[in-house]
Every structure is written in structure tokens, then in C-alpha cells.
PDB file of N, CA and C in Angstrom:
ATOM      1  N   MET A   1      15.891   9.868  34.723  1.00  0.00           N
ATOM      2  CA  MET A   1      15.329   9.840  33.396  1.00  0.00           C
ATOM      3  C   MET A   1      16.432   9.458  32.414  1.00  0.00           C
ATOM      4  N   SER A   2      16.124   8.472  31.580  1.00  0.00           N
ATOM      5  CA  SER A   2      17.109   7.962  30.630  1.00  0.00           C
ATOM      6  C   SER A   2      16.826   8.506  29.231  1.00  0.00           C
ATOM      7  N   THR A   3      17.881   8.776  28.507  1.00  0.00           N
ATOM      8  CA  THR A   3      17.723   9.263  27.133  1.00  0.00           C
ATOM      9  C   THR A   3      18.324   8.269  26.149  1.00  0.00           C
ATOM     10  N   SER A   4      18.105   6.962  26.429  1.00  0.00           N
ATOM     11  CA  SER A   4      18.660   5.945  25.542  1.00  0.00           C
ATOM     12  C   SER A   4      17.828   5.832  24.270  1.00  0.00           C
ATOM     13  N   ALA A   5      18.416   5.208  23.276  1.00  0.00           N
ATOM     14  CA  ALA A   5      17.744   5.025  21.987  1.00  0.00           C
ATOM     15  C   ALA A   5      16.567   4.066  22.148  1.00  0.00           C
ATOM     16  N   PRO A   6      15.564   4.174  21.285  1.00  0.00           N
ATOM     17  CA  PRO A   6      14.427   3.245  21.382  1.00  0.00           C
ATOM     18  C   PRO A   6      14.872   1.823  21.093  1.00  0.00           C
ATOM     19  N   SER A   7      14.162   0.882  21.689  1.00  0.00           N
ATOM     20  CA  SER A   7      14.517  -0.526  21.509  1.00  0.00           C
ATOM     21  C   SER A   7      14.232  -0.973  20.080  1.00  0.00           C
ATOM     22  N   VAL A   8      14.790  -2.111  19.740  1.00  0.00           N
ATOM     23  CA  VAL A   8      14.591  -2.667  18.395  1.00  0.00           C
ATOM     24  C   VAL A   8      13.118  -2.993  18.173  1.00  0.00           C
ATOM     25  N   GLY A   9      12.457  -3.505  19.207  1.00  0.00           N
ATOM     26  CA  GLY A   9      11.040  -3.842  19.084  1.00  0.00           C
ATOM     27  C   GLY A   9      10.177  -2.627  18.789  1.00  0.00           C
ATOM     28  N   ALA A  10      10.488  -1.515  19.447  1.00  0.00           N
ATOM     29  CA  ALA A  10       9.730  -0.286  19.206  1.00  0.00           C
ATOM     30  C   ALA A  10       9.969   0.235  17.797  1.00  0.00           C
ATOM     31  N   THR A  11      11.199   0.092  17.320  1.00  0.00           N
ATOM     32  CA  THR A  11      11.514   0.530  15.956  1.00  0.00           C
ATOM     33  C   THR A  11      10.762  -0.316  14.936  1.00  0.00           C
ATOM     34  N   ILE A  12      10.740  -1.626  15.137  1.00  0.00           N
ATOM     35  CA  ILE A  12      10.025  -2.521  14.220  1.00  0.00           C
ATOM     36  C   ILE A  12       8.525  -2.237  14.254  1.00  0.00           C
ATOM     37  N   ALA A  13       7.965  -2.038  15.447  1.00  0.00           N
ATOM     38  CA  ALA A  13       6.534  -1.748  15.563  1.00  0.00           C
ATOM     39  C   ALA A  13       6.181  -0.438  14.871  1.00  0.00           C
ATOM     40  N   GLY A  14       7.019   0.574  15.044  1.00  0.00           N
ATOM     41  CA  GLY A  14       6.773   1.853  14.379  1.00  0.00           C
ATOM     42  C   GLY A  14       6.843   1.738  12.869  1.00  0.00           C
ATOM     43  N   THR A  15       7.806   0.965  12.375  1.00  0.00           N
ATOM     44  CA  THR A  15       7.932   0.754  10.935  1.00  0.00           C
ATOM     45  C   THR A  15       6.709   0.032  10.380  1.00  0.00           C
ATOM     46  N   CYS A  16       6.246  -0.993  11.083  1.00  0.00           N
ATOM     47  CA  CYS A  16       5.063  -1.739  10.629  1.00  0.00           C
ATOM     48  C   CYS A  16       3.818  -0.859  10.602  1.00  0.00           C
ATOM     49  N   LEU A  17       3.653  -0.030  11.625  1.00  0.00           N
ATOM     50  CA  LEU A  17       2.496   0.873  11.652  1.00  0.00           C
ATOM     51  C   LEU A  17       2.558   1.898  10.527  1.00  0.00           C
ATOM     52  N   GLY A  18       3.753   2.409  10.248  1.00  0.00           N
ATOM     53  CA  GLY A  18       3.907   3.350   9.145  1.00  0.00           C
ATOM     54  C   GLY A  18       3.599   2.715   7.807  1.00  0.00           C
ATOM     55  N   MET A  19       4.067   1.482   7.602  1.00  0.00           N
ATOM     56  CA  MET A  19       3.791   0.780   6.337  1.00  0.00           C
ATOM     57  C   MET A  19       2.307   0.488   6.195  1.00  0.00           C
ATOM     58  N   GLN A  20       1.646   0.114   7.293  1.00  0.00           N
ATOM     59  CA  GLN A  20       0.213  -0.165   7.244  1.00  0.00           C
ATOM     60  C   GLN A  20      -0.575   1.107   6.935  1.00  0.00           C
ATOM     61  N   ALA A  21      -0.157   2.220   7.497  1.00  0.00           N
ATOM     62  CA  ALA A  21      -0.842   3.490   7.221  1.00  0.00           C
ATOM     63  C   ALA A  21      -0.680   3.884   5.756  1.00  0.00           C
ATOM     64  N   ALA A  22       0.511   3.695   5.210  1.00  0.00           N
ATOM     65  CA  ALA A  22       0.735   4.030   3.800  1.00  0.00           C
ATOM     66  C   ALA A  22      -0.076   3.114   2.892  1.00  0.00           C
ATOM     67  N   LEU A  23      -0.127   1.826   3.220  1.00  0.00           N
ATOM     68  CA  LEU A  23      -0.895   0.868   2.421  1.00  0.00           C
ATOM     69  C   LEU A  23      -2.373   1.215   2.457  1.00  0.00           C
ATOM     70  N   SER A  24      -2.877   1.558   3.629  1.00  0.00           N
ATOM     71  CA  SER A  24      -4.297   1.927   3.750  1.00  0.00           C
ATOM     72  C   SER A  24      -4.614   3.181   2.953  1.00  0.00           C
ATOM     73  N   ALA A  25      -3.710   4.154   2.981  1.00  0.00           N
ATOM     74  CA  ALA A  25      -3.941   5.390   2.227  1.00  0.00           C
ATOM     75  C   ALA A  25      -3.941   5.124   0.724  1.00  0.00           C
ATOM     76  N   GLU A  26      -3.012   4.291   0.255  1.00  0.00           N
ATOM     77  CA  GLU A  26      -2.973   3.949  -1.174  1.00  0.00           C
ATOM     78  C   GLU A  26      -4.230   3.207  -1.589  1.00  0.00           C
ATOM     79  N   ALA A  27      -4.676   2.257  -0.770  1.00  0.00           N
ATOM     80  CA  ALA A  27      -5.876   1.481  -1.100  1.00  0.00           C
ATOM     81  C   ALA A  27      -7.122   2.362  -1.089  1.00  0.00           C
ATOM     82  N   TRP A  28      -7.209   3.275  -0.137  1.00  0.00           N
ATOM     83  CA  TRP A  28      -8.357   4.174  -0.070  1.00  0.00           C
ATOM     84  C   TRP A  28      -8.412   5.057  -1.309  1.00  0.00           C
ATOM     85  N   LEU A  29      -7.253   5.572  -1.721  1.00  0.00           N
ATOM     86  CA  LEU A  29      -7.199   6.414  -2.912  1.00  0.00           C
ATOM     87  C   LEU A  29      -7.569   5.614  -4.163  1.00  0.00           C
ATOM     88  N   LEU A  30      -7.075   4.387  -4.273  1.00  0.00           N
ATOM     89  CA  LEU A  30      -7.418   3.536  -5.412  1.00  0.00           C
ATOM     90  C   LEU A  30      -8.914   3.260  -5.441  1.00  0.00           C
ATOM     91  N   MET A  31      -9.506   2.990  -4.274  1.00  0.00           N
ATOM     92  CA  MET A  31     -10.937   2.735  -4.197  1.00  0.00           C
ATOM     93  C   MET A  31     -11.726   3.955  -4.665  1.00  0.00           C
ATOM     94  N   LEU A  32     -11.308   5.152  -4.255  1.00  0.00           N
ATOM     95  CA  LEU A  32     -12.004   6.368  -4.675  1.00  0.00           C
ATOM     96  C   LEU A  32     -11.874   6.606  -6.175  1.00  0.00           C
ATOM     97  N   VAL A  33     -10.676   6.385  -6.713  1.00  0.00           N
ATOM     98  CA  VAL A  33     -10.455   6.604  -8.148  1.00  0.00           C
ATOM     99  C   VAL A  33     -11.281   5.615  -8.967  1.00  0.00           C
ATOM    100  N   LEU A  34     -11.256   4.340  -8.578  1.00  0.00           N
ATOM    101  CA  LEU A  34     -12.038   3.347  -9.328  1.00  0.00           C
ATOM    102  C   LEU A  34     -13.534   3.628  -9.206  1.00  0.00           C
ATOM    103  N   GLY A  35     -13.982   4.102  -8.058  1.00  0.00           N
ATOM    104  CA  GLY A  35     -15.396   4.469  -7.907  1.00  0.00           C
ATOM    105  C   GLY A  35     -15.773   5.636  -8.803  1.00  0.00           C
ATOM    106  N   ALA A  36     -14.881   6.617  -8.912  1.00  0.00           N
ATOM    107  CA  ALA A  36     -15.160   7.766  -9.782  1.00  0.00           C
ATOM    108  C   ALA A  36     -15.192   7.349 -11.247  1.00  0.00           C
ATOM    109  N   VAL A  37     -14.245   6.509 -11.650  1.00  0.00           N
ATOM    110  CA  VAL A  37     -14.229   6.042 -13.042  1.00  0.00           C
ATOM    111  C   VAL A  37     -15.428   5.146 -13.317  1.00  0.00           C
ATOM    112  N   HIS A  38     -15.858   4.363 -12.309  1.00  0.00           N
ATOM    113  CA  HIS A  38     -17.028   3.498 -12.470  1.00  0.00           C
ATOM    114  C   HIS A  38     -18.289   4.325 -12.696  1.00  0.00           C
ATOM    115  N   SER A  39     -18.371   5.493 -12.090  1.00  0.00           N
ATOM    116  CA  SER A  39     -19.560   6.323 -12.290  1.00  0.00           C
ATOM    117  C   SER A  39     -19.620   6.888 -13.703  1.00  0.00           C
ATOM    118  N   VAL A  40     -18.473   6.947 -14.388  1.00  0.00           N
ATOM    119  CA  VAL A  40     -18.432   7.448 -15.760  1.00  0.00           C
ATOM    120  C   VAL A  40     -18.554   6.304 -16.761  1.00  0.00           C
ATOM    121  N   ALA A  41     -17.817   5.227 -16.520  1.00  0.00           N
ATOM    122  CA  ALA A  41     -17.815   4.080 -17.430  1.00  0.00           C
ATOM    123  C   ALA A  41     -18.141   2.827 -16.639  1.00  0.00           C
ATOM    124  N   ALA A  42     -19.269   2.217 -16.937  1.00  0.00           N
ATOM    125  CA  ALA A  42     -19.722   1.057 -16.180  1.00  0.00           C
ATOM    126  C   ALA A  42     -18.840  -0.176 -16.400  1.00  0.00           C
ATOM    127  N   ALA A  43     -17.985  -0.156 -17.415  1.00  0.00           N
ATOM    128  CA  ALA A  43     -17.116  -1.302 -17.662  1.00  0.00           C
ATOM    129  C   ALA A  43     -16.046  -1.449 -16.577  1.00  0.00           C
ATOM    130  N   VAL A  44     -15.749  -0.370 -15.863  1.00  0.00           N
ATOM    131  CA  VAL A  44     -14.766  -0.419 -14.771  1.00  0.00           C
ATOM    132  C   VAL A  44     -15.495  -0.853 -13.505  1.00  0.00           C
ATOM    133  N   PRO A  45     -15.034  -1.907 -12.856  1.00  0.00           N
ATOM    134  CA  PRO A  45     -15.747  -2.379 -11.666  1.00  0.00           C
ATOM    135  C   PRO A  45     -15.534  -1.453 -10.466  1.00  0.00           C
ATOM    136  N   ALA A  46     -16.555  -1.326  -9.651  1.00  0.00           N
ATOM    137  CA  ALA A  46     -16.424  -0.605  -8.383  1.00  0.00           C
ATOM    138  C   ALA A  46     -15.950  -1.624  -7.354  1.00  0.00           C
ATOM    139  N   VAL A  47     -14.893  -1.318  -6.637  1.00  0.00           N
ATOM    140  CA  VAL A  47     -14.333  -2.264  -5.677  1.00  0.00           C
ATOM    141  C   VAL A  47     -14.428  -1.683  -4.277  1.00  0.00           C
ATOM    142  N   GLY A  48     -14.465  -2.590  -3.310  1.00  0.00           N
ATOM    143  CA  GLY A  48     -14.477  -2.178  -1.913  1.00  0.00           C
ATOM    144  C   GLY A  48     -13.073  -1.982  -1.389  1.00  0.00           C
ATOM    145  N   PHE A  49     -12.983  -1.650  -0.105  1.00  0.00           N
ATOM    146  CA  PHE A  49     -11.685  -1.349   0.487  1.00  0.00           C
ATOM    147  C   PHE A  49     -10.803  -2.603   0.550  1.00  0.00           C
ATOM    148  N   GLY A  50     -11.372  -3.748   0.887  1.00  0.00           N
ATOM    149  CA  GLY A  50     -10.585  -4.982   0.978  1.00  0.00           C
ATOM    150  C   GLY A  50      -9.979  -5.371  -0.360  1.00  0.00           C
ATOM    151  N   THR A  51     -10.759  -5.263  -1.404  1.00  0.00           N
ATOM    152  CA  THR A  51     -10.256  -5.568  -2.741  1.00  0.00           C
ATOM    153  C   THR A  51      -9.189  -4.571  -3.152  1.00  0.00           C
ATOM    154  N   ALA A  52      -9.375  -3.314  -2.808  1.00  0.00           N
ATOM    155  CA  ALA A  52      -8.376  -2.297  -3.131  1.00  0.00           C
ATOM    156  C   ALA A  52      -7.063  -2.574  -2.397  1.00  0.00           C
ATOM    157  N   VAL A  53      -7.144  -3.029  -1.145  1.00  0.00           N
ATOM    158  CA  VAL A  53      -5.929  -3.386  -0.401  1.00  0.00           C
ATOM    159  C   VAL A  53      -5.199  -4.515  -1.105  1.00  0.00           C
ATOM    160  N   LEU A  54      -5.933  -5.527  -1.546  1.00  0.00           N
ATOM    161  CA  LEU A  54      -5.299  -6.652  -2.250  1.00  0.00           C
ATOM    162  C   LEU A  54      -4.683  -6.196  -3.571  1.00  0.00           C
ATOM    163  N   PHE A  55      -5.353  -5.302  -4.289  1.00  0.00           N
ATOM    164  CA  PHE A  55      -4.778  -4.750  -5.522  1.00  0.00           C
ATOM    165  C   PHE A  55      -3.476  -4.020  -5.243  1.00  0.00           C
ATOM    166  N   VAL A  56      -3.462  -3.194  -4.198  1.00  0.00           N
ATOM    167  CA  VAL A  56      -2.265  -2.424  -3.869  1.00  0.00           C
ATOM    168  C   VAL A  56      -1.119  -3.353  -3.464  1.00  0.00           C
ATOM    169  N   ILE A  57      -1.415  -4.368  -2.667  1.00  0.00           N
ATOM    170  CA  ILE A  57      -0.371  -5.325  -2.286  1.00  0.00           C
ATOM    171  C   ILE A  57       0.180  -6.024  -3.524  1.00  0.00           C
ATOM    172  N   GLY A  58      -0.697  -6.447  -4.424  1.00  0.00           N
ATOM    173  CA  GLY A  58      -0.251  -7.106  -5.649  1.00  0.00           C
ATOM    174  C   GLY A  58       0.579  -6.188  -6.538  1.00  0.00           C
ATOM    175  N   LEU A  59       0.141  -4.940  -6.668  1.00  0.00           N
ATOM    176  CA  LEU A  59       0.909  -3.989  -7.479  1.00  0.00           C
ATOM    177  C   LEU A  59       2.277  -3.703  -6.866  1.00  0.00           C
ATOM    178  N   ASN A  60       2.333  -3.583  -5.541  1.00  0.00           N
ATOM    179  CA  ASN A  60       3.617  -3.356  -4.881  1.00  0.00           C
ATOM    180  C   ASN A  60       4.547  -4.555  -5.060  1.00  0.00           C
ATOM    181  N   MET A  61       3.999  -5.762  -4.971  1.00  0.00           N
ATOM    182  CA  MET A  61       4.818  -6.960  -5.173  1.00  0.00           C
ATOM    183  C   MET A  61       5.311  -7.042  -6.610  1.00  0.00           C
ATOM    184  N   ALA A  62       4.440  -6.753  -7.570  1.00  0.00           N
ATOM    185  CA  ALA A  62       4.836  -6.800  -8.981  1.00  0.00           C
ATOM    186  C   ALA A  62       5.887  -5.740  -9.293  1.00  0.00           C
ATOM    187  N   THR A  63       5.755  -4.567  -8.696  1.00  0.00           N
ATOM    188  CA  THR A  63       6.746  -3.511  -8.902  1.00  0.00           C
ATOM    189  C   THR A  63       8.103  -3.913  -8.339  1.00  0.00           C
ATOM    190  N   GLY A  64       8.107  -4.494  -7.159  1.00  0.00           N
ATOM    191  CA  GLY A  64       9.354  -4.953  -6.561  1.00  0.00           C
ATOM    192  C   GLY A  64      10.009  -6.046  -7.386  1.00  0.00           C
ATOM    193  N   TYR A  65       9.211  -6.968  -7.901  1.00  0.00           N
ATOM    194  CA  TYR A  65       9.751  -8.040  -8.738  1.00  0.00           C
ATOM    195  C   TYR A  65      10.316  -7.471 -10.042  1.00  0.00           C
ATOM    196  N   ALA A  66       9.585  -6.546 -10.657  1.00  0.00           N
ATOM    197  CA  ALA A  66      10.060  -5.947 -11.913  1.00  0.00           C
ATOM    198  C   ALA A  66      11.349  -5.167 -11.694  1.00  0.00           C
ATOM    199  N   ARG A  67      11.453  -4.471 -10.572  1.00  0.00           N
ATOM    200  CA  ARG A  67      12.694  -3.750 -10.275  1.00  0.00           C
ATOM    201  C   ARG A  67      13.858  -4.711 -10.093  1.00  0.00           C
ATOM    202  N   ARG A  68      13.593  -5.837  -9.453  1.00  0.00           N
ATOM    203  CA  ARG A  68      14.654  -6.801  -9.227  1.00  0.00           C
ATOM    204  C   ARG A  68      15.082  -7.456 -10.541  1.00  0.00           C
ATOM    205  N   VAL A  69      14.131  -7.763 -11.413  1.00  0.00           N
ATOM    206  CA  VAL A  69      14.454  -8.440 -12.677  1.00  0.00           C
ATOM    207  C   VAL A  69      15.062  -7.477 -13.686  1.00  0.00           C
ATOM    208  N   PHE A  70      14.469  -6.288 -13.829  1.00  0.00           N
ATOM    209  CA  PHE A  70      14.895  -5.369 -14.887  1.00  0.00           C
ATOM    210  C   PHE A  70      15.769  -4.223 -14.385  1.00  0.00           C
ATOM    211  N   GLY A  71      16.134  -4.226 -13.121  1.00  0.00           N
ATOM    212  CA  GLY A  71      16.945  -3.149 -12.566  1.00  0.00           C
ATOM    213  C   GLY A  71      18.399  -3.223 -13.015  1.00  0.00           C
ATOM    214  N   ARG A  72      19.126  -2.195 -12.704  1.00  0.00           N
ATOM    215  CA  ARG A  72      20.546  -2.152 -13.050  1.00  0.00           C
ATOM    216  C   ARG A  72      21.302  -3.172 -12.221  1.00  0.00           C
ATOM    217  N   LYS A  73      22.312  -3.706 -12.823  1.00  0.00           N
ATOM    218  CA  LYS A  73      23.101  -4.722 -12.103  1.00  0.00           C
ATOM    219  C   LYS A  73      24.523  -4.324 -11.989  1.00  0.00           C
TER     220      LYS A  73
END
């Protein structure tokens, strides 16, 4: 029985699965929040899970860009 460190491929696969799980959780929460606000104010659109995923990806990209542009140097 070997106790060597996990391979690079396993580390990358684990990281990708963790990022996908976090993205799905953020999108699900956004979908629920927008649905709740939509039930109160019809001006807020109700979005599905796919649209929420795209919103979360866009917000994460915009946040990363803003940090790079306006961050400390």
C-alpha cells in the first residue's frame, strides 16, 4: 500500500468539481432570491437556473476584472 501524494490530474479534477459545486450553489441561491423578490415586485424578472448560472459567471468575471483594475499595486 502506497501513501504517495495524489496526482496532479486528481488535484485538478477535485478543484474543478469544487468550483462547479460553489458556482451551482451561488446560482441556486440567486435564483431563489430573484424568485422571492419577483413574487413581491413584478418588475423583477423571475429567472431559471441556467440564466442564474450565467449571471453568477458574469458577476464573478466582473468582480475579478474590477479587482485587477482598481486593486492595490
